[in-house]
Amino acid sequence: MPQDSKHNLEILRHSAAHLAAQAILDLFPTTILTIGPATEDGFFYDVLPSTSFKEEDLERIEQRMHFFADQNLPITHKEISKQEARKIFGNNPFKLELIEKIPGDMVGLSQQGDFIDLCRGGHVHSTGLIKHIKLLGLSGSYWRGDKNNAPLQRISGTAFFTAEELENYLKQREEALLYDHRKLGKQMDLFSFHQEGAGFPFYHPKGKRIINTLIDYLRRLLDEQGYQEIATPIMLNDELWRCSGHYEHYKENMYFCLIDSKSFAIRPMNCPGSILLYNERPRSYRELPLRLAEFGLVHRHELSGVLHGLFRTRAFTIDDAHIYCMPNQIEDEISAMIKLVYQVFRKFEFEHISVGLSTRPDNSMGSEILWETATNSLKSALEKNKIPFKLQEGEGAFYGPKIEFKIHDSMGREWQCGTIQLDFFQPENFDLSYIASEGTKQRPVMIHRAIYGSIERFFGIILEHFKGNLPFWIAPLQVKLLTITDAQLPYAQKLFDLLKSENIRAEIDLSSDPLSGKIKTAQLERIPWMLVLGNKEMSQETITLRYRDGKQETGLSWTDLRALIHKNS
């Protein structure tokens, strides 16, 4: 099995979840199993033990996993009737509930040695391939993520193809725990999460400033490149989602409600709304390419076990753009998007960017010829821009192939953020057209583009990337003015007003703390610049600039400071 595929890593981790379940049942046979999916960083298995597990049990379970891995048991999968499955899992109410909810009369069953589990498939060939594993922790959960259901215990872990990959991950994880964005968010008073809305972030004033700064920065770039910003509803009726294909391919992750006896869905994607806007009136070739941008809030139902701060939420904002163009405009548009992606990521000091080209998945829609045309167009644009890329077979969206941009942070971790997706199918589904120069009706091509991806997730990424020490231009509070005594407050106020005229986010420390205490507070708040003002600075109308890392510049004039502001903004 190729080891460089995200899909194959997911299969390995899914198999590791089953191996964990096998080990748990072997050691604690009265345990009742529920579900055990792969996650972005590993896997988990939710169980109902007769006696609650303790941290020290993890080592025993992990050792048992290695025992079954060393036995190299073949992993098989077959389809059985629901009637037979009910007999096998007759003492497991969770599995029985799952069986009833699976469409059709058949369900999947996986087996390794004496261990069997309800499963739709997707495993490595044998347990001997699951060697490099680590159980990471115990936590509480609820059946189906609902606190009104049975409380469960979750055993989490990870798996890799090589010992080196596992060792690197564990080192990264140790460092990441020190700078976990959830911890930093609390320390810096940026955001919080509450049980009343699990998976839905609450932004505090400073956190909202960062979100707004992210959007404002990108908005300026889009305006320069001829994008027009739109806003579309977050709730639209089911028929739209059926037409777009999302209902068929994505309904398990969508939220639904009834309005006037009709079923509506809260949008998991922004594209159908943009399509309706395009189709509002006849379009001419003279309008193309039409670049419509939207900072669209979407909602997706995620299992409670995979929720992870800002990295995996149930509501987030996508910096979406949908470009409607003629076929002969595709490569120029994609080239411009590629340059924009690199410009944005480098602004955030991401220098190592890798690129993947994801091709047709198993659940795709549309003809093979259109898929080949779309894939070749993306490939050609990458090659013309001399962008090295890796082919990612079967990892495209259901409606088209895509380019994925992956950034590497200061801790060596890889994050998939930006995407460019070419879509010939939605224009067909919604009968989109434009009037060509010769007066005939033609079908436009649709390009989906996001750079941050999820703005919330990108916020979490940069918070950890900079370890909380955000660059001057994006810090929620950029400057704090520190007076030695109250006598300098009028001078501090004058400088504060000048800073505000430059749109700098500043604050005067009005506490009665000594200067050393004020400096310590500002450092804990991770404020990039501190302006230290004493009698000397006031009498000479100068400024002592103290940086977050302790370095200082003395005797600066307002003109000097203003030049530094422009350099760092």
Protein backbone atom coordinates (compact mmCIF):
# COMPACT_ATOMS: atom_id res chain seq x y z
CA MET A 1 0.00 0.00 0.00
CA PRO A 2 1.48 3.43 -0.95
CA GLN A 3 2.34 5.31 2.21
CA ASP A 4 2.09 8.88 0.92
CA SER A 5 -1.66 8.97 0.58
CA LYS A 6 -3.95 10.70 3.04
CA HIS A 7 -6.59 8.13 2.12
CA ASN A 8 -4.24 5.23 2.92
CA LEU A 9 -3.27 6.82 6.25
CA GLU A 10 -6.98 7.06 7.09
CA ILE A 11 -7.35 3.35 6.27
CA LEU A 12 -4.40 2.51 8.51
CA ARG A 13 -5.86 4.52 11.39
CA HIS A 14 -9.33 3.04 10.92
CA SER A 15 -7.67 -0.38 11.13
CA ALA A 16 -5.80 0.74 14.26
CA ALA A 17 -9.13 1.68 15.87
CA HIS A 18 -10.34 -1.88 15.27
CA LEU A 19 -7.08 -3.23 16.68
CA ALA A 20 -7.65 -1.15 19.81
CA ALA A 21 -11.18 -2.53 20.11
CA GLN A 22 -9.86 -6.08 19.75
CA ALA A 23 -7.31 -5.45 22.52
CA ILE A 24 -9.94 -3.87 24.79
CA LEU A 25 -12.32 -6.80 24.43
CA ASP A 26 -9.53 -9.30 24.98
CA LEU A 27 -8.49 -7.62 28.25
CA PHE A 28 -11.92 -6.40 29.37
CA PRO A 29 -14.47 -8.79 27.78
CA THR A 30 -17.53 -7.15 29.41
CA THR A 31 -16.87 -3.86 27.59
CA ILE A 32 -19.53 -2.80 25.07
CA LEU A 33 -18.16 -1.29 21.84
CA THR A 34 -19.81 1.59 19.96
CA ILE A 35 -17.89 3.29 17.11
CA GLY A 36 -14.22 3.84 16.26
CA PRO A 37 -13.45 6.15 13.32
CA ALA A 38 -10.20 7.56 12.01
CA THR A 39 -9.62 11.25 12.70
CA GLU A 40 -7.36 13.89 11.20
CA ASP A 41 -4.52 13.01 13.60
CA GLY A 42 -5.29 9.42 14.52
CA PHE A 43 -8.33 7.50 15.72
CA PHE A 44 -10.58 6.87 18.68
CA TYR A 45 -12.94 4.18 19.91
CA ASP A 46 -15.89 4.97 22.18
CA VAL A 47 -16.76 2.20 24.62
CA LEU A 48 -19.00 1.48 27.59
CA PRO A 49 -16.86 -0.42 30.14
CA SER A 50 -18.33 -2.21 33.13
CA THR A 51 -15.71 -0.40 35.26
CA SER A 52 -14.26 2.92 34.11
CA PHE A 53 -10.83 2.70 32.53
CA LYS A 54 -7.88 4.50 34.11
CA GLU A 55 -4.84 6.07 32.45
CA GLU A 56 -2.67 3.11 33.51
CA ASP A 57 -4.97 0.79 31.49
CA LEU A 58 -3.82 2.44 28.27
CA GLU A 59 -0.36 0.86 28.49
CA ARG A 60 -1.89 -2.62 28.86
CA ILE A 61 -4.23 -2.05 25.94
CA GLU A 62 -1.39 -0.74 23.77
CA GLN A 63 0.76 -3.77 24.61
CA ARG A 64 -2.13 -6.04 23.64
CA MET A 65 -2.49 -4.18 20.35
CA HIS A 66 1.17 -4.95 19.60
CA PHE A 67 0.55 -8.59 20.51
CA PHE A 68 -2.22 -8.89 17.90
CA ALA A 69 -0.14 -6.90 15.39
CA ASP A 70 2.73 -9.38 15.82
CA GLN A 71 0.32 -12.23 15.05
CA ASN A 72 -0.21 -10.71 11.59
CA LEU A 73 -3.90 -11.69 11.53
CA PRO A 74 -5.59 -11.32 8.13
CA ILE A 75 -8.31 -8.63 8.13
CA THR A 76 -11.31 -9.64 6.05
CA HIS A 77 -14.53 -7.88 5.15
CA LYS A 78 -17.84 -9.22 3.93
CA GLU A 79 -21.48 -8.24 3.58
CA ILE A 80 -24.05 -10.01 5.74
CA SER A 81 -27.80 -9.68 6.12
CA LYS A 82 -29.19 -7.39 8.78
CA GLN A 83 -30.96 -10.39 10.26
CA GLU A 84 -27.65 -12.19 10.75
CA ALA A 85 -26.02 -9.02 12.11
CA ARG A 86 -28.78 -8.63 14.71
CA LYS A 87 -27.98 -12.12 16.00
CA ILE A 88 -24.23 -11.44 16.19
CA PHE A 89 -24.65 -8.10 17.99
CA GLY A 90 -27.78 -9.01 19.93
CA ASN A 91 -26.25 -7.95 23.25
CA ASN A 92 -24.96 -4.61 21.99
CA PRO A 93 -27.70 -1.94 21.83
CA PHE A 94 -25.38 0.55 20.13
CA LYS A 95 -24.56 -1.78 17.25
CA LEU A 96 -28.23 -2.73 16.92
CA GLU A 97 -29.14 0.94 16.59
CA LEU A 98 -26.47 1.38 13.91
CA ILE A 99 -27.73 -1.67 12.01
CA GLU A 100 -31.24 -0.23 11.84
CA LYS A 101 -29.98 3.09 10.49
CA ILE A 102 -27.87 1.58 7.69
CA PRO A 103 -29.79 1.75 4.36
CA GLY A 104 -30.67 -1.50 2.62
CA ASP A 105 -30.84 -5.10 3.80
CA MET A 106 -27.11 -5.77 4.12
CA VAL A 107 -24.38 -4.49 6.43
CA GLY A 108 -20.59 -4.83 6.50
CA LEU A 109 -18.66 -7.09 8.88
CA SER A 110 -14.89 -7.03 9.42
CA GLN A 111 -12.94 -9.83 11.10
CA GLN A 112 -9.38 -10.34 12.40
CA GLY A 113 -8.79 -13.53 14.31
CA ASP A 114 -11.72 -14.07 16.69
CA PHE A 115 -12.62 -10.39 16.70
CA ILE A 116 -15.52 -9.15 14.56
CA ASP A 117 -17.02 -5.70 14.24
CA LEU A 118 -19.74 -3.92 12.34
CA CYS A 119 -17.94 -1.95 9.63
CA ARG A 120 -18.47 -0.59 6.12
CA GLY A 121 -14.89 -1.50 5.18
CA GLY A 122 -11.62 0.17 4.42
CA HIS A 123 -8.83 -1.73 6.19
CA VAL A 124 -5.23 -2.78 5.71
CA HIS A 125 -4.77 -6.42 4.74
CA SER A 126 -3.52 -7.68 8.09
CA THR A 127 -2.82 -6.59 11.64
CA GLY A 128 0.91 -6.97 10.93
CA LEU A 129 0.78 -3.68 9.00
CA ILE A 130 -0.37 -1.80 12.13
CA LYS A 131 2.96 -1.59 13.94
CA HIS A 132 3.64 2.05 14.70
CA ILE A 133 0.87 2.98 17.12
CA LYS A 134 0.47 5.01 20.28
CA LEU A 135 -2.51 5.41 22.61
CA LEU A 136 -2.70 9.05 23.64
CA GLY A 137 -5.44 9.47 26.19
CA LEU A 138 -8.78 8.80 27.84
CA SER A 139 -11.72 11.17 27.79
CA GLY A 140 -15.46 11.21 28.26
CA SER A 141 -18.02 11.27 25.46
CA TYR A 142 -21.68 10.56 24.80
CA TRP A 143 -23.35 8.19 22.37
CA ARG A 144 -23.85 10.09 19.12
CA GLY A 145 -22.39 13.19 20.77
CA ASP A 146 -25.63 13.89 22.64
CA LYS A 147 -25.31 14.51 26.39
CA ASN A 148 -28.83 13.09 26.81
CA ASN A 149 -27.54 9.71 25.62
CA ALA A 150 -25.38 7.14 27.39
CA PRO A 151 -22.06 8.43 28.77
CA LEU A 152 -19.09 6.62 27.25
CA GLN A 153 -15.31 6.53 27.51
CA ARG A 154 -13.15 7.43 24.56
CA ILE A 155 -9.74 5.88 23.97
CA SER A 156 -7.72 7.99 21.53
CA GLY A 157 -4.55 7.13 19.67
CA THR A 158 -2.61 7.53 16.48
CA ALA A 159 -0.89 5.33 13.92
CA PHE A 160 1.72 5.84 11.19
CA PHE A 161 3.38 3.75 8.54
CA THR A 162 6.90 4.21 9.95
CA ALA A 163 8.54 4.53 13.36
CA GLU A 164 10.17 7.78 12.26
CA GLU A 165 6.81 9.35 11.39
CA LEU A 166 5.37 8.31 14.75
CA GLU A 167 8.41 9.65 16.65
CA ASN A 168 8.23 12.99 14.80
CA TYR A 169 4.52 13.26 15.49
CA LEU A 170 4.98 12.62 19.21
CA LYS A 171 7.72 15.27 19.40
CA GLN A 172 5.53 17.76 17.54
CA ARG A 173 2.62 16.89 19.79
CA GLU A 174 4.68 17.55 22.91
CA GLU A 175 5.67 20.98 21.61
CA ALA A 176 2.17 21.69 20.35
CA LEU A 177 0.71 20.99 23.79
CA LEU A 178 2.82 23.87 25.11
CA TYR A 179 1.31 26.21 22.53
CA ASP A 180 -2.14 24.68 22.08
CA HIS A 181 -4.34 27.37 20.55
CA ARG A 182 -7.09 26.55 23.04
CA LYS A 183 -4.72 27.30 25.91
CA LEU A 184 -3.44 30.46 24.19
CA GLY A 185 -7.00 31.54 23.42
CA LYS A 186 -7.82 31.44 27.11
CA GLN A 187 -4.57 33.09 28.23
CA MET A 188 -4.94 35.88 25.65
CA ASP A 189 -8.71 36.30 26.15
CA LEU A 190 -9.50 35.58 22.48
CA PHE A 191 -12.28 32.96 22.39
CA SER A 192 -14.03 30.30 24.41
CA PHE A 193 -16.25 27.24 24.03
CA HIS A 194 -19.31 26.44 26.09
CA GLN A 195 -21.28 23.25 26.67
CA GLU A 196 -24.44 25.07 25.61
CA GLY A 197 -23.02 25.19 22.09
CA ALA A 198 -20.47 22.38 21.71
CA GLY A 199 -18.37 22.96 18.62
CA PHE A 200 -19.48 26.58 18.19
CA PRO A 201 -16.80 29.16 19.09
CA PHE A 202 -17.54 32.30 21.10
CA TYR A 203 -15.28 35.18 20.08
CA HIS A 204 -14.19 37.70 22.70
CA PRO A 205 -13.44 41.28 21.56
CA LYS A 206 -9.72 40.62 20.95
CA GLY A 207 -10.43 37.40 19.07
CA LYS A 208 -13.02 39.11 16.91
CA ARG A 209 -10.43 41.77 16.06
CA ILE A 210 -8.14 39.07 14.71
CA ILE A 211 -10.94 37.52 12.65
CA ASN A 212 -11.82 40.96 11.26
CA THR A 213 -8.16 41.67 10.45
CA LEU A 214 -7.87 38.36 8.57
CA ILE A 215 -10.96 39.21 6.53
CA ASP A 216 -10.01 42.86 5.94
CA TYR A 217 -6.55 41.90 4.67
CA LEU A 218 -7.92 39.39 2.16
CA ARG A 219 -10.80 41.68 1.21
CA ARG A 220 -8.31 44.37 0.11
CA LEU A 221 -6.42 41.89 -2.07
CA LEU A 222 -9.63 40.58 -3.66
CA ASP A 223 -10.80 44.11 -4.41
CA GLU A 224 -7.52 44.79 -6.20
CA GLN A 225 -8.02 41.68 -8.34
CA GLY A 226 -11.53 42.49 -9.47
CA TYR A 227 -13.57 40.29 -7.13
CA GLN A 228 -17.06 41.39 -6.18
CA GLU A 229 -18.28 40.49 -2.69
CA ILE A 230 -21.71 38.95 -2.19
CA ALA A 231 -23.74 37.55 0.69
CA THR A 232 -26.20 34.65 0.34
CA PRO A 233 -28.60 32.99 2.83
CA ILE A 234 -27.33 30.36 5.25
CA MET A 235 -30.57 28.37 4.92
CA LEU A 236 -32.05 27.13 1.64
CA ASN A 237 -34.57 24.44 0.77
CA ASP A 238 -33.77 20.79 0.20
CA GLU A 239 -34.44 20.87 -3.53
CA LEU A 240 -31.44 23.11 -4.04
CA TRP A 241 -29.16 20.73 -2.15
CA ARG A 242 -30.53 17.76 -4.09
CA CYS A 243 -29.82 19.55 -7.36
CA SER A 244 -26.27 20.45 -6.30
CA GLY A 245 -25.55 16.87 -5.21
CA HIS A 246 -24.78 17.82 -1.61
CA TYR A 247 -27.87 16.04 -0.31
CA GLU A 248 -26.81 12.75 -1.83
CA HIS A 249 -23.13 13.03 -0.94
CA TYR A 250 -23.16 15.04 2.29
CA LYS A 251 -26.54 14.83 4.04
CA GLU A 252 -25.14 13.04 7.12
CA ASN A 253 -23.14 16.19 7.90
CA MET A 254 -26.00 18.64 7.30
CA TYR A 255 -28.52 20.23 9.65
CA PHE A 256 -32.18 20.27 8.57
CA CYS A 257 -35.34 21.98 9.77
CA LEU A 258 -38.95 22.45 8.66
CA ILE A 259 -40.31 25.84 7.58
CA ASP A 260 -43.98 26.02 6.53
CA SER A 261 -43.99 22.20 6.22
CA LYS A 262 -41.03 22.30 3.79
CA SER A 263 -37.59 20.92 4.53
CA PHE A 264 -34.69 23.36 4.57
CA ALA A 265 -30.98 22.80 5.19
CA ILE A 266 -28.44 25.07 6.83
CA ARG A 267 -25.71 25.39 4.26
CA PRO A 268 -22.58 23.23 4.61
CA MET A 269 -21.16 24.98 1.51
CA ASN A 270 -21.61 28.41 -0.06
CA CYS A 271 -21.56 27.48 -3.75
CA PRO A 272 -25.30 26.87 -4.40
CA GLY A 273 -26.16 30.38 -3.19
CA SER A 274 -23.58 31.87 -5.53
CA ILE A 275 -25.00 29.81 -8.40
CA LEU A 276 -28.52 31.16 -7.77
CA LEU A 277 -27.13 34.68 -7.83
CA TYR A 278 -25.33 34.04 -11.14
CA ASN A 279 -28.55 32.65 -12.61
CA GLU A 280 -30.57 35.69 -11.53
CA ARG A 281 -30.35 37.15 -15.06
CA PRO A 282 -28.87 36.38 -18.50
CA ARG A 283 -25.09 36.80 -18.62
CA SER A 284 -22.89 38.00 -21.45
CA TYR A 285 -19.38 36.83 -22.31
CA ARG A 286 -18.34 40.44 -21.66
CA GLU A 287 -19.02 39.88 -17.93
CA LEU A 288 -16.68 36.90 -17.75
CA PRO A 289 -14.67 36.07 -15.83
CA LEU A 290 -17.15 36.95 -13.07
CA ARG A 291 -15.40 36.66 -9.70
CA LEU A 292 -17.85 36.47 -6.80
CA ALA A 293 -16.37 36.36 -3.29
CA GLU A 294 -18.19 35.54 -0.07
CA PHE A 295 -17.07 35.20 3.52
CA GLY A 296 -19.78 32.62 4.15
CA LEU A 297 -20.73 31.06 7.47
CA VAL A 298 -21.40 27.33 7.08
CA HIS A 299 -22.54 24.61 9.49
CA ARG A 300 -21.51 20.97 9.41
CA HIS A 301 -22.48 18.24 11.84
CA GLU A 302 -19.31 16.78 13.31
CA LEU A 303 -19.14 14.00 15.89
CA SER A 304 -18.32 15.37 19.32
CA GLY A 305 -15.20 13.22 19.46
CA VAL A 306 -13.53 14.96 16.53
CA LEU A 307 -14.28 18.50 17.71
CA HIS A 308 -10.99 20.20 18.47
CA GLY A 309 -11.01 23.88 19.38
CA LEU A 310 -10.92 26.06 16.27
CA PHE A 311 -9.39 23.25 14.23
CA ARG A 312 -12.65 21.30 13.98
CA THR A 313 -15.86 23.18 14.68
CA ARG A 314 -19.50 22.81 13.73
CA ALA A 315 -19.75 26.36 12.41
CA PHE A 316 -17.05 28.22 10.53
CA THR A 317 -16.51 30.86 7.87
CA ILE A 318 -15.06 30.00 4.46
CA ASP A 319 -13.32 32.71 2.44
CA ASP A 320 -15.09 31.43 -0.63
CA ALA A 321 -14.89 32.68 -4.17
CA HIS A 322 -16.69 31.32 -7.22
CA ILE A 323 -15.37 32.32 -10.59
CA TYR A 324 -17.54 31.88 -13.67
CA CYS A 325 -15.49 31.93 -16.84
CA MET A 326 -15.17 30.73 -20.41
CA PRO A 327 -13.03 27.63 -21.11
CA ASN A 328 -10.27 29.71 -22.69
CA GLN A 329 -10.00 31.77 -19.49
CA ILE A 330 -9.42 28.84 -17.12
CA GLU A 331 -5.64 28.76 -17.07
CA ASP A 332 -5.23 32.53 -16.63
CA GLU A 333 -7.70 32.52 -13.75
CA ILE A 334 -6.05 29.58 -12.03
CA SER A 335 -2.60 31.16 -12.49
CA ALA A 336 -3.82 34.38 -10.84
CA MET A 337 -5.31 32.36 -7.97
CA ILE A 338 -2.07 30.44 -7.43
CA LYS A 339 -0.12 33.70 -7.14
CA LEU A 340 -2.70 35.08 -4.70
CA VAL A 341 -2.48 31.97 -2.52
CA TYR A 342 1.31 32.26 -2.28
CA GLN A 343 1.08 36.00 -1.56
CA VAL A 344 -1.30 35.42 1.35
CA PHE A 345 0.58 32.51 2.93
CA ARG A 346 3.89 34.35 2.77
CA LYS A 347 2.31 37.31 4.55
CA PHE A 348 1.90 34.92 7.49
CA GLU A 349 5.52 33.73 7.18
CA PHE A 350 4.70 30.31 5.77
CA GLU A 351 7.64 29.72 3.45
CA HIS A 352 7.30 25.97 2.94
CA ILE A 353 4.18 25.32 0.85
CA SER A 354 3.51 21.94 -0.78
CA VAL A 355 0.88 21.34 -3.43
CA GLY A 356 -1.29 18.35 -4.29
CA LEU A 357 -3.54 17.69 -7.27
CA SER A 358 -6.54 15.61 -6.17
CA THR A 359 -8.29 13.52 -8.80
CA ARG A 360 -11.66 11.82 -9.24
CA PRO A 361 -13.06 10.09 -6.10
CA ASP A 362 -15.27 7.00 -6.06
CA ASN A 363 -18.42 9.01 -5.25
CA SER A 364 -17.96 11.49 -8.09
CA MET A 365 -20.66 12.89 -10.35
CA GLY A 366 -20.34 13.54 -14.09
CA SER A 367 -18.64 11.83 -17.02
CA GLU A 368 -15.08 10.56 -17.17
CA ILE A 369 -14.32 12.83 -20.15
CA LEU A 370 -15.24 15.99 -18.21
CA TRP A 371 -13.17 14.83 -15.25
CA GLU A 372 -10.17 14.26 -17.50
CA THR A 373 -10.58 17.71 -19.09
CA ALA A 374 -10.87 19.41 -15.71
CA THR A 375 -7.89 17.55 -14.22
CA ASN A 376 -5.69 18.35 -17.22
CA SER A 377 -6.59 22.05 -16.98
CA LEU A 378 -5.44 22.20 -13.35
CA LYS A 379 -2.30 20.21 -14.13
CA SER A 380 -1.42 22.52 -17.02
CA ALA A 381 -1.82 25.65 -14.87
CA LEU A 382 0.50 24.21 -12.21
CA GLU A 383 3.10 23.22 -14.76
CA LYS A 384 3.02 26.62 -16.50
CA ASN A 385 3.59 28.32 -13.15
CA LYS A 386 6.43 25.87 -12.42
CA ILE A 387 4.73 24.67 -9.23
CA PRO A 388 5.87 21.17 -8.20
CA PHE A 389 2.93 19.03 -7.09
CA LYS A 390 2.01 15.55 -5.91
CA LEU A 391 -0.80 13.62 -7.59
CA GLN A 392 -3.44 12.57 -5.01
CA GLU A 393 -5.49 9.87 -6.69
CA GLY A 394 -9.16 9.72 -5.69
CA GLU A 395 -9.07 12.66 -3.25
CA GLY A 396 -10.99 15.26 -5.29
CA ALA A 397 -14.39 16.68 -4.35
CA PHE A 398 -17.41 14.79 -5.68
CA TYR A 399 -18.02 17.57 -8.23
CA GLY A 400 -14.49 18.14 -9.50
CA PRO A 401 -10.71 17.81 -9.14
CA LYS A 402 -8.82 20.28 -6.98
CA ILE A 403 -5.46 21.79 -6.18
CA GLU A 404 -4.65 21.68 -2.47
CA PHE A 405 -2.11 24.00 -0.84
CA LYS A 406 -0.47 22.71 2.33
CA ILE A 407 1.43 25.01 4.64
CA HIS A 408 4.14 23.87 7.04
CA ASP A 409 4.23 25.67 10.37
CA SER A 410 7.06 26.57 12.74
CA MET A 411 6.71 23.19 14.46
CA GLY A 412 7.02 21.23 11.21
CA ARG A 413 3.35 20.30 10.99
CA GLU A 414 1.48 20.29 7.70
CA TRP A 415 -1.91 21.98 7.30
CA GLN A 416 -4.09 21.76 4.23
CA CYS A 417 -5.68 25.18 3.76
CA GLY A 418 -6.11 26.70 0.30
CA THR A 419 -7.97 24.93 -2.51
CA ILE A 420 -8.77 25.58 -6.15
CA GLN A 421 -11.49 23.32 -7.57
CA LEU A 422 -12.54 23.16 -11.19
CA ASP A 423 -16.21 22.36 -11.69
CA PHE A 424 -17.90 21.51 -15.00
CA PHE A 425 -20.80 19.76 -13.28
CA GLN A 426 -22.66 22.38 -11.24
CA PRO A 427 -23.06 24.56 -14.36
CA GLU A 428 -24.71 21.51 -15.96
CA ASN A 429 -26.87 20.75 -12.90
CA PHE A 430 -28.19 24.31 -12.72
CA ASP A 431 -28.24 24.95 -16.47
CA LEU A 432 -25.90 27.96 -16.23
CA SER A 433 -25.19 29.82 -19.44
CA TYR A 434 -23.81 32.97 -21.01
CA ILE A 435 -24.31 34.54 -24.41
CA ALA A 436 -21.13 34.12 -26.48
CA SER A 437 -19.77 36.74 -28.90
CA GLU A 438 -21.52 35.03 -31.83
CA GLY A 439 -24.86 35.21 -30.00
CA THR A 440 -25.11 31.54 -29.01
CA LYS A 441 -25.78 30.15 -25.52
CA GLN A 442 -22.69 28.59 -23.95
CA ARG A 443 -21.96 26.84 -20.68
CA PRO A 444 -19.56 28.62 -18.28
CA VAL A 445 -16.95 26.82 -16.23
CA MET A 446 -17.09 27.30 -12.45
CA ILE A 447 -13.97 27.55 -10.28
CA HIS A 448 -14.25 27.24 -6.48
CA ARG A 449 -11.45 28.98 -4.57
CA ALA A 450 -10.58 29.33 -0.88
CA ILE A 451 -7.28 30.46 0.65
CA TYR A 452 -7.69 30.38 4.42
CA GLY A 453 -10.23 27.59 3.99
CA SER A 454 -11.89 27.85 7.37
CA ILE A 455 -11.03 31.27 8.82
CA GLU A 456 -11.51 29.84 12.32
CA ARG A 457 -9.09 27.00 11.65
CA PHE A 458 -6.56 29.34 10.06
CA PHE A 459 -6.81 31.55 13.17
CA GLY A 460 -5.90 28.53 15.33
CA ILE A 461 -3.06 27.58 12.98
CA ILE A 462 -1.36 31.00 13.05
CA LEU A 463 -1.87 31.25 16.82
CA GLU A 464 0.17 28.06 17.25
CA HIS A 465 2.56 28.84 14.38
CA PHE A 466 3.61 32.09 16.11
CA LYS A 467 3.22 30.48 19.58
CA GLY A 468 0.89 33.30 20.56
CA ASN A 469 3.35 36.02 19.51
CA LEU A 470 1.33 37.31 16.57
CA PRO A 471 3.00 39.73 14.14
CA PHE A 472 2.43 43.43 14.76
CA TRP A 473 -0.04 43.88 11.89
CA ILE A 474 -2.48 41.21 13.11
CA ALA A 475 -2.08 41.41 16.90
CA PRO A 476 -5.41 42.32 18.55
CA LEU A 477 -3.65 44.95 20.68
CA GLN A 478 -0.57 46.26 18.88
CA VAL A 479 0.77 48.91 21.25
CA LYS A 480 0.57 49.50 24.97
CA LEU A 481 1.67 52.84 26.39
CA LEU A 482 3.42 52.50 29.77
CA THR A 483 3.98 55.59 31.90
CA ILE A 484 6.44 55.60 34.79
CA THR A 485 4.23 57.98 36.79
CA ASP A 486 0.86 59.67 36.29
CA ALA A 487 2.72 62.84 35.29
CA GLN A 488 3.32 61.37 31.82
CA LEU A 489 -0.36 60.55 31.18
CA PRO A 490 -1.04 63.74 29.11
CA TYR A 491 1.92 62.86 26.85
CA ALA A 492 0.69 59.25 26.65
CA GLN A 493 -2.76 60.52 25.61
CA LYS A 494 -1.20 62.66 22.86
CA LEU A 495 0.69 59.66 21.48
CA PHE A 496 -2.40 57.48 21.83
CA ASP A 497 -4.36 59.94 19.65
CA LEU A 498 -1.60 59.90 17.03
CA LEU A 499 -1.58 56.11 17.03
CA LYS A 500 -5.37 56.01 16.58
CA SER A 501 -5.01 58.38 13.58
CA GLU A 502 -2.81 55.68 12.02
CA ASN A 503 -5.47 53.01 12.78
CA ILE A 504 -3.21 51.34 15.33
CA ARG A 505 -4.86 49.28 18.05
CA ALA A 506 -3.43 50.86 21.19
CA GLU A 507 -4.15 51.13 24.91
CA ILE A 508 -2.78 53.15 27.83
CA ASP A 509 -1.96 51.15 30.97
CA LEU A 510 -3.77 53.13 33.66
CA SER A 511 -2.93 50.74 36.49
CA SER A 512 -0.98 51.84 39.57
CA ASP A 513 1.60 49.08 39.04
CA PRO A 514 5.29 49.97 38.86
CA LEU A 515 6.86 50.00 35.38
CA SER A 516 8.27 46.49 35.85
CA GLY A 517 4.76 45.21 36.63
CA LYS A 518 3.28 46.98 33.60
CA ILE A 519 5.96 45.46 31.35
CA LYS A 520 5.33 41.98 32.76
CA THR A 521 1.56 42.33 32.18
CA ALA A 522 2.09 43.47 28.58
CA GLN A 523 4.47 40.56 27.94
CA LEU A 524 1.95 38.07 29.32
CA GLU A 525 -0.63 39.59 26.97
CA ARG A 526 1.91 39.09 24.15
CA ILE A 527 1.65 42.73 22.99
CA PRO A 528 4.23 43.38 20.24
CA TRP A 529 5.21 46.95 21.20
CA MET A 530 5.41 48.78 24.52
CA LEU A 531 6.00 52.54 24.53
CA VAL A 532 7.82 53.40 27.76
CA LEU A 533 7.30 57.06 28.75
CA GLY A 534 9.12 58.81 31.56
CA ASN A 535 10.04 62.44 32.29
CA LYS A 536 12.95 62.30 29.84
CA GLU A 537 10.75 61.09 26.97
CA MET A 538 8.06 63.64 27.82
CA SER A 539 10.46 66.60 28.01
CA GLN A 540 12.25 65.66 24.77
CA GLU A 541 9.07 64.42 23.04
CA THR A 542 10.73 61.09 22.31
CA ILE A 543 9.72 57.47 22.78
CA THR A 544 11.41 54.38 24.18
CA LEU A 545 10.13 51.42 22.20
CA ARG A 546 10.36 48.08 24.01
CA TYR A 547 9.66 44.97 21.96
CA ARG A 548 7.95 41.83 23.17
CA ASP A 549 11.29 39.98 23.29
CA GLY A 550 12.86 42.62 25.57
CA LYS A 551 14.88 44.54 22.96
CA GLN A 552 14.61 48.34 23.09
CA GLU A 553 15.05 51.39 20.88
CA THR A 554 15.46 54.73 22.64
CA GLY A 555 15.14 58.34 21.59
CA LEU A 556 12.63 57.69 18.80
CA SER A 557 10.62 60.61 17.45
CA TRP A 558 7.00 60.28 16.38
CA THR A 559 8.22 60.37 12.77
CA ASP A 560 10.58 57.44 13.50
CA LEU A 561 7.78 55.47 15.14
CA ARG A 562 5.38 56.19 12.30
CA ALA A 563 7.93 54.86 9.80
CA LEU A 564 8.27 51.65 11.84
CA ILE A 565 4.47 51.30 11.92
CA HIS A 566 4.23 51.51 8.14
CA LYS A 567 7.09 49.03 7.75
CA ASN A 568 5.37 46.46 9.99
CA SER A 569 1.75 46.92 8.83
